[in-house]
Amino acid sequence: MPKKRELTEEEKAYRPITENPIRIDLKEWKSLFDIFGLLKRKLGLPDFCGENWDAIWDLAKGFTDVPVTIELHGVSTARERFPEDVDIMLEIFHDLHRGWPHIEYVVID
């Protein structure tokens, strides 16, 4: 069995959040990989974050200590194509806000 490669510190690290509010445009969401990559990039999640909702939830918990607002644009457009996934994503953001009140989200359509 091949030996697992150790992750570098850079791969384990959260990236700095450079915008506030964080604008996430869902209108161009064509596949799940699109949204996972976008969320990882916008939320500064580490490289090793998996491309699935459980991984996003696990690593997004408390991703920042500073107050931040996440603007979700184009939710209704994304919901037409990915209704179940949009509901999961909104539930994640709701749970994030409930556990970390300094992380707010708004739906802007």
PDB file of N, CA and C in Angstrom:
ATOM      1  N   MET A   1       0.842  -1.177   0.000  1.00  0.00           N
ATOM      2  CA  MET A   1       0.000   0.000   0.000  1.00  0.00           C
ATOM      3  C   MET A   1       0.890   1.244   0.000  1.00  0.00           C
ATOM      4  N   PRO A   2       0.622   2.208  -0.890  1.00  0.00           N
ATOM      5  CA  PRO A   2       1.462   3.405  -0.942  1.00  0.00           C
ATOM      6  C   PRO A   2       1.337   4.237   0.331  1.00  0.00           C
ATOM      7  N   LYS A   3       2.436   4.822   0.711  1.00  0.00           N
ATOM      8  CA  LYS A   3       2.459   5.685   1.887  1.00  0.00           C
ATOM      9  C   LYS A   3       1.771   7.000   1.554  1.00  0.00           C
ATOM     10  N   LYS A   4       0.918   7.469   2.469  1.00  0.00           N
ATOM     11  CA  LYS A   4       0.245   8.748   2.273  1.00  0.00           C
ATOM     12  C   LYS A   4       1.239   9.894   2.397  1.00  0.00           C
ATOM     13  N   ARG A   5       1.103  10.845   1.504  1.00  0.00           N
ATOM     14  CA  ARG A   5       1.948  12.033   1.548  1.00  0.00           C
ATOM     15  C   ARG A   5       1.443  12.954   2.651  1.00  0.00           C
ATOM     16  N   GLU A   6       2.359  13.459   3.438  1.00  0.00           N
ATOM     17  CA  GLU A   6       2.010  14.432   4.466  1.00  0.00           C
ATOM     18  C   GLU A   6       1.654  15.766   3.805  1.00  0.00           C
ATOM     19  N   LEU A   7       0.633  16.430   4.329  1.00  0.00           N
ATOM     20  CA  LEU A   7       0.268  17.749   3.817  1.00  0.00           C
ATOM     21  C   LEU A   7       1.256  18.786   4.321  1.00  0.00           C
ATOM     22  N   THR A   8       1.560  19.744   3.476  1.00  0.00           N
ATOM     23  CA  THR A   8       2.422  20.847   3.895  1.00  0.00           C
ATOM     24  C   THR A   8       1.608  21.790   4.777  1.00  0.00           C
ATOM     25  N   GLU A   9       2.311  22.631   5.504  1.00  0.00           N
ATOM     26  CA  GLU A   9       1.623  23.624   6.336  1.00  0.00           C
ATOM     27  C   GLU A   9       0.756  24.544   5.474  1.00  0.00           C
ATOM     28  N   GLU A  10       1.243  24.862   4.287  1.00  0.00           N
ATOM     29  CA  GLU A  10       0.480  25.713   3.378  1.00  0.00           C
ATOM     30  C   GLU A  10      -0.829  25.039   2.959  1.00  0.00           C
ATOM     31  N   GLU A  11      -0.785  23.742   2.704  1.00  0.00           N
ATOM     32  CA  GLU A  11      -1.990  23.008   2.312  1.00  0.00           C
ATOM     33  C   GLU A  11      -2.991  22.897   3.456  1.00  0.00           C
ATOM     34  N   LYS A  12      -2.505  22.911   4.687  1.00  0.00           N
ATOM     35  CA  LYS A  12      -3.367  22.809   5.863  1.00  0.00           C
ATOM     36  C   LYS A  12      -3.958  24.161   6.272  1.00  0.00           C
ATOM     37  N   ALA A  13      -3.351  25.225   5.814  1.00  0.00           N
ATOM     38  CA  ALA A  13      -3.688  26.563   6.310  1.00  0.00           C
ATOM     39  C   ALA A  13      -4.958  27.125   5.676  1.00  0.00           C
ATOM     40  N   TYR A  14      -5.676  27.865   6.482  1.00  0.00           N
ATOM     41  CA  TYR A  14      -6.781  28.670   5.971  1.00  0.00           C
ATOM     42  C   TYR A  14      -6.182  29.885   5.292  1.00  0.00           C
ATOM     43  N   ARG A  15      -6.786  30.329   4.214  1.00  0.00           N
ATOM     44  CA  ARG A  15      -6.323  31.507   3.488  1.00  0.00           C
ATOM     45  C   ARG A  15      -6.961  32.756   4.109  1.00  0.00           C
ATOM     46  N   PRO A  16      -6.277  33.891   4.040  1.00  0.00           N
ATOM     47  CA  PRO A  16      -6.872  35.122   4.572  1.00  0.00           C
ATOM     48  C   PRO A  16      -8.125  35.513   3.773  1.00  0.00           C
ATOM     49  N   ILE A  17      -9.098  36.015   4.481  1.00  0.00           N
ATOM     50  CA  ILE A  17     -10.310  36.548   3.846  1.00  0.00           C
ATOM     51  C   ILE A  17      -9.983  37.981   3.444  1.00  0.00           C
ATOM     52  N   THR A  18     -10.125  38.278   2.167  1.00  0.00           N
ATOM     53  CA  THR A  18      -9.714  39.597   1.679  1.00  0.00           C
ATOM     54  C   THR A  18     -10.875  40.516   1.367  1.00  0.00           C
ATOM     55  N   GLU A  19     -12.107  40.016   1.485  1.00  0.00           N
ATOM     56  CA  GLU A  19     -13.250  40.887   1.202  1.00  0.00           C
ATOM     57  C   GLU A  19     -14.297  40.742   2.295  1.00  0.00           C
ATOM     58  N   ASN A  20     -14.973  41.826   2.553  1.00  0.00           N
ATOM     59  CA  ASN A  20     -16.082  41.823   3.486  1.00  0.00           C
ATOM     60  C   ASN A  20     -17.020  42.946   3.075  1.00  0.00           C
ATOM     61  N   PRO A  21     -18.179  42.639   2.563  1.00  0.00           N
ATOM     62  CA  PRO A  21     -18.776  41.311   2.548  1.00  0.00           C
ATOM     63  C   PRO A  21     -18.125  40.397   1.514  1.00  0.00           C
ATOM     64  N   ILE A  22     -18.289  39.093   1.767  1.00  0.00           N
ATOM     65  CA  ILE A  22     -17.837  38.079   0.829  1.00  0.00           C
ATOM     66  C   ILE A  22     -18.966  37.865  -0.166  1.00  0.00           C
ATOM     67  N   ARG A  23     -18.703  38.168  -1.425  1.00  0.00           N
ATOM     68  CA  ARG A  23     -19.742  38.064  -2.459  1.00  0.00           C
ATOM     69  C   ARG A  23     -19.591  36.730  -3.174  1.00  0.00           C
ATOM     70  N   ILE A  24     -20.641  35.904  -3.091  1.00  0.00           N
ATOM     71  CA  ILE A  24     -20.642  34.603  -3.753  1.00  0.00           C
ATOM     72  C   ILE A  24     -21.748  34.625  -4.799  1.00  0.00           C
ATOM     73  N   ASP A  25     -21.349  34.586  -6.070  1.00  0.00           N
ATOM     74  CA  ASP A  25     -22.294  34.639  -7.187  1.00  0.00           C
ATOM     75  C   ASP A  25     -22.598  33.219  -7.648  1.00  0.00           C
ATOM     76  N   LEU A  26     -23.829  32.795  -7.439  1.00  0.00           N
ATOM     77  CA  LEU A  26     -24.240  31.428  -7.760  1.00  0.00           C
ATOM     78  C   LEU A  26     -24.826  31.289  -9.160  1.00  0.00           C
ATOM     79  N   LYS A  27     -24.901  32.375  -9.908  1.00  0.00           N
ATOM     80  CA  LYS A  27     -25.516  32.324 -11.237  1.00  0.00           C
ATOM     81  C   LYS A  27     -24.726  31.458 -12.212  1.00  0.00           C
ATOM     82  N   GLU A  28     -23.437  31.354 -12.012  1.00  0.00           N
ATOM     83  CA  GLU A  28     -22.584  30.586 -12.918  1.00  0.00           C
ATOM     84  C   GLU A  28     -22.373  29.148 -12.454  1.00  0.00           C
ATOM     85  N   TRP A  29     -23.109  28.727 -11.454  1.00  0.00           N
ATOM     86  CA  TRP A  29     -22.976  27.391 -10.892  1.00  0.00           C
ATOM     87  C   TRP A  29     -23.437  26.357 -11.910  1.00  0.00           C
ATOM     88  N   LYS A  30     -22.504  25.636 -12.501  1.00  0.00           N
ATOM     89  CA  LYS A  30     -22.823  24.643 -13.535  1.00  0.00           C
ATOM     90  C   LYS A  30     -22.671  23.206 -13.039  1.00  0.00           C
ATOM     91  N   SER A  31     -21.860  23.005 -11.996  1.00  0.00           N
ATOM     92  CA  SER A  31     -21.669  21.675 -11.426  1.00  0.00           C
ATOM     93  C   SER A  31     -21.347  21.835  -9.944  1.00  0.00           C
ATOM     94  N   LEU A  32     -21.435  20.729  -9.219  1.00  0.00           N
ATOM     95  CA  LEU A  32     -21.103  20.788  -7.797  1.00  0.00           C
ATOM     96  C   LEU A  32     -19.652  21.174  -7.586  1.00  0.00           C
ATOM     97  N   PHE A  33     -18.781  20.742  -8.473  1.00  0.00           N
ATOM     98  CA  PHE A  33     -17.375  21.107  -8.318  1.00  0.00           C
ATOM     99  C   PHE A  33     -17.189  22.615  -8.423  1.00  0.00           C
ATOM    100  N   ASP A  34     -18.007  23.275  -9.249  1.00  0.00           N
ATOM    101  CA  ASP A  34     -17.947  24.734  -9.346  1.00  0.00           C
ATOM    102  C   ASP A  34     -18.216  25.373  -7.988  1.00  0.00           C
ATOM    103  N   ILE A  35     -19.293  24.948  -7.340  1.00  0.00           N
ATOM    104  CA  ILE A  35     -19.665  25.600  -6.082  1.00  0.00           C
ATOM    105  C   ILE A  35     -18.689  25.245  -4.966  1.00  0.00           C
ATOM    106  N   PHE A  36     -18.223  24.003  -4.922  1.00  0.00           N
ATOM    107  CA  PHE A  36     -17.271  23.653  -3.864  1.00  0.00           C
ATOM    108  C   PHE A  36     -15.977  24.446  -4.019  1.00  0.00           C
ATOM    109  N   GLY A  37     -15.492  24.572  -5.236  1.00  0.00           N
ATOM    110  CA  GLY A  37     -14.280  25.355  -5.475  1.00  0.00           C
ATOM    111  C   GLY A  37     -14.477  26.816  -5.127  1.00  0.00           C
ATOM    112  N   LEU A  38     -15.630  27.360  -5.496  1.00  0.00           N
ATOM    113  CA  LEU A  38     -15.932  28.758  -5.199  1.00  0.00           C
ATOM    114  C   LEU A  38     -16.012  28.982  -3.691  1.00  0.00           C
ATOM    115  N   LEU A  39     -16.714  28.127  -2.984  1.00  0.00           N
ATOM    116  CA  LEU A  39     -16.827  28.278  -1.533  1.00  0.00           C
ATOM    117  C   LEU A  39     -15.471  28.134  -0.857  1.00  0.00           C
ATOM    118  N   LYS A  40     -14.684  27.166  -1.293  1.00  0.00           N
ATOM    119  CA  LYS A  40     -13.353  27.001  -0.709  1.00  0.00           C
ATOM    120  C   LYS A  40     -12.516  28.254  -0.902  1.00  0.00           C
ATOM    121  N   ARG A  41     -12.560  28.810  -2.103  1.00  0.00           N
ATOM    122  CA  ARG A  41     -11.766  30.004  -2.412  1.00  0.00           C
ATOM    123  C   ARG A  41     -12.276  31.220  -1.630  1.00  0.00           C
ATOM    124  N   LYS A  42     -13.569  31.456  -1.656  1.00  0.00           N
ATOM    125  CA  LYS A  42     -14.127  32.652  -1.028  1.00  0.00           C
ATOM    126  C   LYS A  42     -14.042  32.626   0.492  1.00  0.00           C
ATOM    127  N   LEU A  43     -14.169  31.421   1.073  1.00  0.00           N
ATOM    128  CA  LEU A  43     -14.116  31.305   2.530  1.00  0.00           C
ATOM    129  C   LEU A  43     -12.699  31.042   3.039  1.00  0.00           C
ATOM    130  N   GLY A  44     -11.750  30.945   2.126  1.00  0.00           N
ATOM    131  CA  GLY A  44     -10.364  30.744   2.522  1.00  0.00           C
ATOM    132  C   GLY A  44     -10.093  29.372   3.112  1.00  0.00           C
ATOM    133  N   LEU A  45     -10.861  28.358   2.694  1.00  0.00           N
ATOM    134  CA  LEU A  45     -10.695  27.022   3.260  1.00  0.00           C
ATOM    135  C   LEU A  45      -9.412  26.380   2.743  1.00  0.00           C
ATOM    136  N   PRO A  46      -8.826  25.497   3.539  1.00  0.00           N
ATOM    137  CA  PRO A  46      -7.556  24.866   3.153  1.00  0.00           C
ATOM    138  C   PRO A  46      -7.682  24.019   1.890  1.00  0.00           C
ATOM    139  N   ASP A  47      -6.557  23.814   1.236  1.00  0.00           N
ATOM    140  CA  ASP A  47      -6.509  23.012   0.010  1.00  0.00           C
ATOM    141  C   ASP A  47      -7.079  21.618   0.197  1.00  0.00           C
ATOM    142  N   PHE A  48      -6.881  21.027   1.375  1.00  0.00           N
ATOM    143  CA  PHE A  48      -7.300  19.644   1.570  1.00  0.00           C
ATOM    144  C   PHE A  48      -8.804  19.490   1.782  1.00  0.00           C
ATOM    145  N   CYS A  49      -9.520  20.597   1.825  1.00  0.00           N
ATOM    146  CA  CYS A  49     -10.978  20.532   2.012  1.00  0.00           C
ATOM    147  C   CYS A  49     -11.590  19.724   0.863  1.00  0.00           C
ATOM    148  N   GLY A  50     -12.331  18.706   1.210  1.00  0.00           N
ATOM    149  CA  GLY A  50     -12.973  17.870   0.205  1.00  0.00           C
ATOM    150  C   GLY A  50     -14.045  18.627  -0.562  1.00  0.00           C
ATOM    151  N   GLU A  51     -14.433  18.076  -1.681  1.00  0.00           N
ATOM    152  CA  GLU A  51     -15.452  18.717  -2.508  1.00  0.00           C
ATOM    153  C   GLU A  51     -16.781  18.009  -2.289  1.00  0.00           C
ATOM    154  N   ASN A  52     -17.301  18.229  -1.077  1.00  0.00           N
ATOM    155  CA  ASN A  52     -18.601  17.703  -0.691  1.00  0.00           C
ATOM    156  C   ASN A  52     -19.123  18.558   0.461  1.00  0.00           C
ATOM    157  N   TRP A  53     -20.418  18.464   0.717  1.00  0.00           N
ATOM    158  CA  TRP A  53     -21.032  19.344   1.718  1.00  0.00           C
ATOM    159  C   TRP A  53     -20.517  19.066   3.125  1.00  0.00           C
ATOM    160  N   ASP A  54     -20.258  17.804   3.472  1.00  0.00           N
ATOM    161  CA  ASP A  54     -19.738  17.501   4.805  1.00  0.00           C
ATOM    162  C   ASP A  54     -18.392  18.174   5.038  1.00  0.00           C
ATOM    163  N   ALA A  55     -17.528  18.128   4.041  1.00  0.00           N
ATOM    164  CA  ALA A  55     -16.207  18.753   4.173  1.00  0.00           C
ATOM    165  C   ALA A  55     -16.334  20.270   4.288  1.00  0.00           C
ATOM    166  N   ILE A  56     -17.210  20.854   3.480  1.00  0.00           N
ATOM    167  CA  ILE A  56     -17.417  22.312   3.565  1.00  0.00           C
ATOM    168  C   ILE A  56     -17.889  22.672   4.970  1.00  0.00           C
ATOM    169  N   TRP A  57     -18.860  21.930   5.489  1.00  0.00           N
ATOM    170  CA  TRP A  57     -19.376  22.206   6.830  1.00  0.00           C
ATOM    171  C   TRP A  57     -18.268  22.039   7.882  1.00  0.00           C
ATOM    172  N   ASP A  58     -17.534  20.943   7.817  1.00  0.00           N
ATOM    173  CA  ASP A  58     -16.492  20.685   8.814  1.00  0.00           C
ATOM    174  C   ASP A  58     -15.444  21.787   8.850  1.00  0.00           C
ATOM    175  N   LEU A  59     -15.030  22.276   7.685  1.00  0.00           N
ATOM    176  CA  LEU A  59     -13.948  23.252   7.646  1.00  0.00           C
ATOM    177  C   LEU A  59     -14.431  24.701   7.683  1.00  0.00           C
ATOM    178  N   ALA A  60     -15.711  24.929   7.418  1.00  0.00           N
ATOM    179  CA  ALA A  60     -16.219  26.303   7.459  1.00  0.00           C
ATOM    180  C   ALA A  60     -16.564  26.738   8.880  1.00  0.00           C
ATOM    181  N   LYS A  61     -16.726  25.774   9.777  1.00  0.00           N
ATOM    182  CA  LYS A  61     -17.076  26.122  11.158  1.00  0.00           C
ATOM    183  C   LYS A  61     -16.022  27.057  11.732  1.00  0.00           C
ATOM    184  N   GLY A  62     -16.438  28.248  12.050  1.00  0.00           N
ATOM    185  CA  GLY A  62     -15.529  29.196  12.662  1.00  0.00           C
ATOM    186  C   GLY A  62     -14.351  29.577  11.795  1.00  0.00           C
ATOM    187  N   PHE A  63     -14.554  29.677  10.462  1.00  0.00           N
ATOM    188  CA  PHE A  63     -13.437  29.944   9.550  1.00  0.00           C
ATOM    189  C   PHE A  63     -12.800  31.306   9.759  1.00  0.00           C
ATOM    190  N   THR A  64     -13.456  32.171  10.495  1.00  0.00           N
ATOM    191  CA  THR A  64     -12.886  33.480  10.783  1.00  0.00           C
ATOM    192  C   THR A  64     -13.333  33.930  12.170  1.00  0.00           C
ATOM    193  N   ASP A  65     -12.489  34.720  12.808  1.00  0.00           N
ATOM    194  CA  ASP A  65     -12.827  35.268  14.125  1.00  0.00           C
ATOM    195  C   ASP A  65     -13.362  36.689  14.033  1.00  0.00           C
ATOM    196  N   VAL A  66     -13.293  37.277  12.858  1.00  0.00           N
ATOM    197  CA  VAL A  66     -13.753  38.652  12.700  1.00  0.00           C
ATOM    198  C   VAL A  66     -15.166  38.658  12.106  1.00  0.00           C
ATOM    199  N   PRO A  67     -15.950  39.667  12.422  1.00  0.00           N
ATOM    200  CA  PRO A  67     -17.290  39.749  11.842  1.00  0.00           C
ATOM    201  C   PRO A  67     -17.222  39.809  10.320  1.00  0.00           C
ATOM    202  N   VAL A  68     -18.049  39.017   9.677  1.00  0.00           N
ATOM    203  CA  VAL A  68     -18.064  38.969   8.226  1.00  0.00           C
ATOM    204  C   VAL A  68     -19.502  38.697   7.764  1.00  0.00           C
ATOM    205  N   THR A  69     -19.821  39.242   6.607  1.00  0.00           N
ATOM    206  CA  THR A  69     -21.111  38.988   5.982  1.00  0.00           C
ATOM    207  C   THR A  69     -20.867  38.286   4.657  1.00  0.00           C
ATOM    208  N   ILE A  70     -21.627  37.249   4.414  1.00  0.00           N
ATOM    209  CA  ILE A  70     -21.552  36.499   3.158  1.00  0.00           C
ATOM    210  C   ILE A  70     -22.798  36.840   2.358  1.00  0.00           C
ATOM    211  N   GLU A  71     -22.610  37.407   1.170  1.00  0.00           N
ATOM    212  CA  GLU A  71     -23.723  37.733   0.282  1.00  0.00           C
ATOM    213  C   GLU A  71     -23.866  36.627  -0.751  1.00  0.00           C
ATOM    214  N   LEU A  72     -25.016  35.994  -0.792  1.00  0.00           N
ATOM    215  CA  LEU A  72     -25.287  34.932  -1.758  1.00  0.00           C
ATOM    216  C   LEU A  72     -26.154  35.508  -2.869  1.00  0.00           C
ATOM    217  N   HIS A  73     -25.568  35.665  -4.041  1.00  0.00           N
ATOM    218  CA  HIS A  73     -26.263  36.231  -5.202  1.00  0.00           C
ATOM    219  C   HIS A  73     -26.693  35.105  -6.138  1.00  0.00           C
ATOM    220  N   GLY A  74     -27.890  35.222  -6.700  1.00  0.00           N
ATOM    221  CA  GLY A  74     -28.356  34.259  -7.692  1.00  0.00           C
ATOM    222  C   GLY A  74     -28.853  32.943  -7.115  1.00  0.00           C
ATOM    223  N   VAL A  75     -29.380  32.981  -5.906  1.00  0.00           N
ATOM    224  CA  VAL A  75     -29.848  31.752  -5.268  1.00  0.00           C
ATOM    225  C   VAL A  75     -30.998  31.123  -6.050  1.00  0.00           C
ATOM    226  N   SER A  76     -31.944  31.925  -6.516  1.00  0.00           N
ATOM    227  CA  SER A  76     -33.088  31.344  -7.241  1.00  0.00           C
ATOM    228  C   SER A  76     -32.646  30.703  -8.553  1.00  0.00           C
ATOM    229  N   THR A  77     -31.671  31.290  -9.232  1.00  0.00           N
ATOM    230  CA  THR A  77     -31.144  30.694 -10.465  1.00  0.00           C
ATOM    231  C   THR A  77     -30.478  29.359 -10.162  1.00  0.00           C
ATOM    232  N   ALA A  78     -29.666  29.318  -9.109  1.00  0.00           N
ATOM    233  CA  ALA A  78     -28.992  28.075  -8.725  1.00  0.00           C
ATOM    234  C   ALA A  78     -30.008  27.026  -8.273  1.00  0.00           C
ATOM    235  N   ARG A  79     -31.056  27.469  -7.593  1.00  0.00           N
ATOM    236  CA  ARG A  79     -32.062  26.533  -7.093  1.00  0.00           C
ATOM    237  C   ARG A  79     -32.800  25.830  -8.238  1.00  0.00           C
ATOM    238  N   GLU A  80     -32.940  26.498  -9.376  1.00  0.00           N
ATOM    239  CA  GLU A  80     -33.593  25.869 -10.523  1.00  0.00           C
ATOM    240  C   GLU A  80     -32.807  24.644 -10.987  1.00  0.00           C
ATOM    241  N   ARG A  81     -31.499  24.703 -10.900  1.00  0.00           N
ATOM    242  CA  ARG A  81     -30.637  23.606 -11.364  1.00  0.00           C
ATOM    243  C   ARG A  81     -30.270  22.617 -10.272  1.00  0.00           C
ATOM    244  N   PHE A  82     -30.100  23.114  -9.057  1.00  0.00           N
ATOM    245  CA  PHE A  82     -29.591  22.286  -7.960  1.00  0.00           C
ATOM    246  C   PHE A  82     -30.424  22.513  -6.688  1.00  0.00           C
ATOM    247  N   PRO A  83     -31.716  22.201  -6.712  1.00  0.00           N
ATOM    248  CA  PRO A  83     -32.576  22.545  -5.574  1.00  0.00           C
ATOM    249  C   PRO A  83     -32.124  21.933  -4.249  1.00  0.00           C
ATOM    250  N   GLU A  84     -31.777  20.665  -4.234  1.00  0.00           N
ATOM    251  CA  GLU A  84     -31.374  20.023  -2.982  1.00  0.00           C
ATOM    252  C   GLU A  84     -30.059  20.589  -2.465  1.00  0.00           C
ATOM    253  N   ASP A  85     -29.131  20.835  -3.364  1.00  0.00           N
ATOM    254  CA  ASP A  85     -27.825  21.350  -2.950  1.00  0.00           C
ATOM    255  C   ASP A  85     -27.915  22.783  -2.445  1.00  0.00           C
ATOM    256  N   VAL A  86     -28.774  23.583  -3.049  1.00  0.00           N
ATOM    257  CA  VAL A  86     -28.961  24.949  -2.548  1.00  0.00           C
ATOM    258  C   VAL A  86     -29.528  24.904  -1.137  1.00  0.00           C
ATOM    259  N   ASP A  87     -30.484  24.016  -0.889  1.00  0.00           N
ATOM    260  CA  ASP A  87     -31.040  23.893   0.459  1.00  0.00           C
ATOM    261  C   ASP A  87     -29.965  23.480   1.462  1.00  0.00           C
ATOM    262  N   ILE A  88     -29.107  22.540   1.088  1.00  0.00           N
ATOM    263  CA  ILE A  88     -28.020  22.114   1.973  1.00  0.00           C
ATOM    264  C   ILE A  88     -27.078  23.286   2.242  1.00  0.00           C
ATOM    265  N   MET A  89     -26.711  24.013   1.199  1.00  0.00           N
ATOM    266  CA  MET A  89     -25.806  25.150   1.346  1.00  0.00           C
ATOM    267  C   MET A  89     -26.403  26.200   2.288  1.00  0.00           C
ATOM    268  N   LEU A  90     -27.685  26.524   2.101  1.00  0.00           N
ATOM    269  CA  LEU A  90     -28.333  27.523   2.962  1.00  0.00           C
ATOM    270  C   LEU A  90     -28.410  27.031   4.404  1.00  0.00           C
ATOM    271  N   GLU A  91     -28.626  25.746   4.583  1.00  0.00           N
ATOM    272  CA  GLU A  91     -28.647  25.182   5.936  1.00  0.00           C
ATOM    273  C   GLU A  91     -27.266  25.311   6.590  1.00  0.00           C
ATOM    274  N   ILE A  92     -26.224  25.082   5.817  1.00  0.00           N
ATOM    275  CA  ILE A  92     -24.864  25.242   6.341  1.00  0.00           C
ATOM    276  C   ILE A  92     -24.630  26.686   6.780  1.00  0.00           C
ATOM    277  N   PHE A  93     -25.004  27.643   5.940  1.00  0.00           N
ATOM    278  CA  PHE A  93     -24.803  29.045   6.310  1.00  0.00           C
ATOM    279  C   PHE A  93     -25.655  29.435   7.514  1.00  0.00           C
ATOM    280  N   HIS A  94     -26.859  28.898   7.592  1.00  0.00           N
ATOM    281  CA  HIS A  94     -27.718  29.164   8.755  1.00  0.00           C
ATOM    282  C   HIS A  94     -27.069  28.608  10.027  1.00  0.00           C
ATOM    283  N   ASP A  95     -26.581  27.363   9.949  1.00  0.00           N
ATOM    284  CA  ASP A  95     -25.932  26.755  11.105  1.00  0.00           C
ATOM    285  C   ASP A  95     -24.646  27.484  11.489  1.00  0.00           C
ATOM    286  N   LEU A  96     -23.897  27.945  10.481  1.00  0.00           N
ATOM    287  CA  LEU A  96     -22.691  28.737  10.777  1.00  0.00           C
ATOM    288  C   LEU A  96     -23.049  29.976  11.574  1.00  0.00           C
ATOM    289  N   HIS A  97     -24.070  30.680  11.122  1.00  0.00           N
ATOM    290  CA  HIS A  97     -24.470  31.906  11.817  1.00  0.00           C
ATOM    291  C   HIS A  97     -24.959  31.595  13.233  1.00  0.00           C
ATOM    292  N   ARG A  98     -25.693  30.521  13.373  1.00  0.00           N
ATOM    293  CA  ARG A  98     -26.210  30.165  14.692  1.00  0.00           C
ATOM    294  C   ARG A  98     -25.065  29.831  15.654  1.00  0.00           C
ATOM    295  N   GLY A  99     -24.045  29.134  15.178  1.00  0.00           N
ATOM    296  CA  GLY A  99     -22.919  28.763  16.035  1.00  0.00           C
ATOM    297  C   GLY A  99     -21.882  29.857  16.199  1.00  0.00           C
ATOM    298  N   TRP A 100     -21.762  30.698  15.198  1.00  0.00           N
ATOM    299  CA  TRP A 100     -20.781  31.785  15.188  1.00  0.00           C
ATOM    300  C   TRP A 100     -21.502  33.046  14.713  1.00  0.00           C
ATOM    301  N   PRO A 101     -22.194  33.742  15.624  1.00  0.00           N
ATOM    302  CA  PRO A 101     -23.046  34.880  15.227  1.00  0.00           C
ATOM    303  C   PRO A 101     -22.319  35.999  14.477  1.00  0.00           C
ATOM    304  N   HIS A 102     -20.998  36.054  14.575  1.00  0.00           N
ATOM    305  CA  HIS A 102     -20.257  37.082  13.839  1.00  0.00           C
ATOM    306  C   HIS A 102     -20.174  36.762  12.341  1.00  0.00           C
ATOM    307  N   ILE A 103     -20.564  35.535  11.963  1.00  0.00           N
ATOM    308  CA  ILE A 103     -20.630  35.156  10.546  1.00  0.00           C
ATOM    309  C   ILE A 103     -22.088  35.269  10.118  1.00  0.00           C
ATOM    310  N   GLU A 104     -22.370  36.287   9.319  1.00  0.00           N
ATOM    311  CA  GLU A 104     -23.742  36.512   8.858  1.00  0.00           C
ATOM    312  C   GLU A 104     -23.815  36.183   7.377  1.00  0.00           C
ATOM    313  N   TYR A 105     -25.020  35.874   6.907  1.00  0.00           N
ATOM    314  CA  TYR A 105     -25.218  35.667   5.472  1.00  0.00           C
ATOM    315  C   TYR A 105     -26.543  36.299   5.077  1.00  0.00           C
ATOM    316  N   VAL A 106     -26.561  36.784   3.844  1.00  0.00           N
ATOM    317  CA  VAL A 106     -27.784  37.352   3.290  1.00  0.00           C
ATOM    318  C   VAL A 106     -27.967  36.792   1.885  1.00  0.00           C
ATOM    319  N   VAL A 107     -29.215  36.551   1.542  1.00  0.00           N
ATOM    320  CA  VAL A 107     -29.548  36.089   0.197  1.00  0.00           C
ATOM    321  C   VAL A 107     -29.961  37.312  -0.614  1.00  0.00           C
ATOM    322  N   ILE A 108     -29.233  37.554  -1.688  1.00  0.00           N
ATOM    323  CA  ILE A 108     -29.503  38.684  -2.577  1.00  0.00           C
ATOM    324  C   ILE A 108     -29.772  38.090  -3.940  1.00  0.00           C
ATOM    325  N   ASP A 109     -30.978  38.326  -4.448  1.00  0.00           N
ATOM    326  CA  ASP A 109     -31.312  37.720  -5.732  1.00  0.00           C
ATOM    327  C   ASP A 109     -31.439  38.755  -6.802  1.00  0.00           C
TER     328      ASP A 109
END
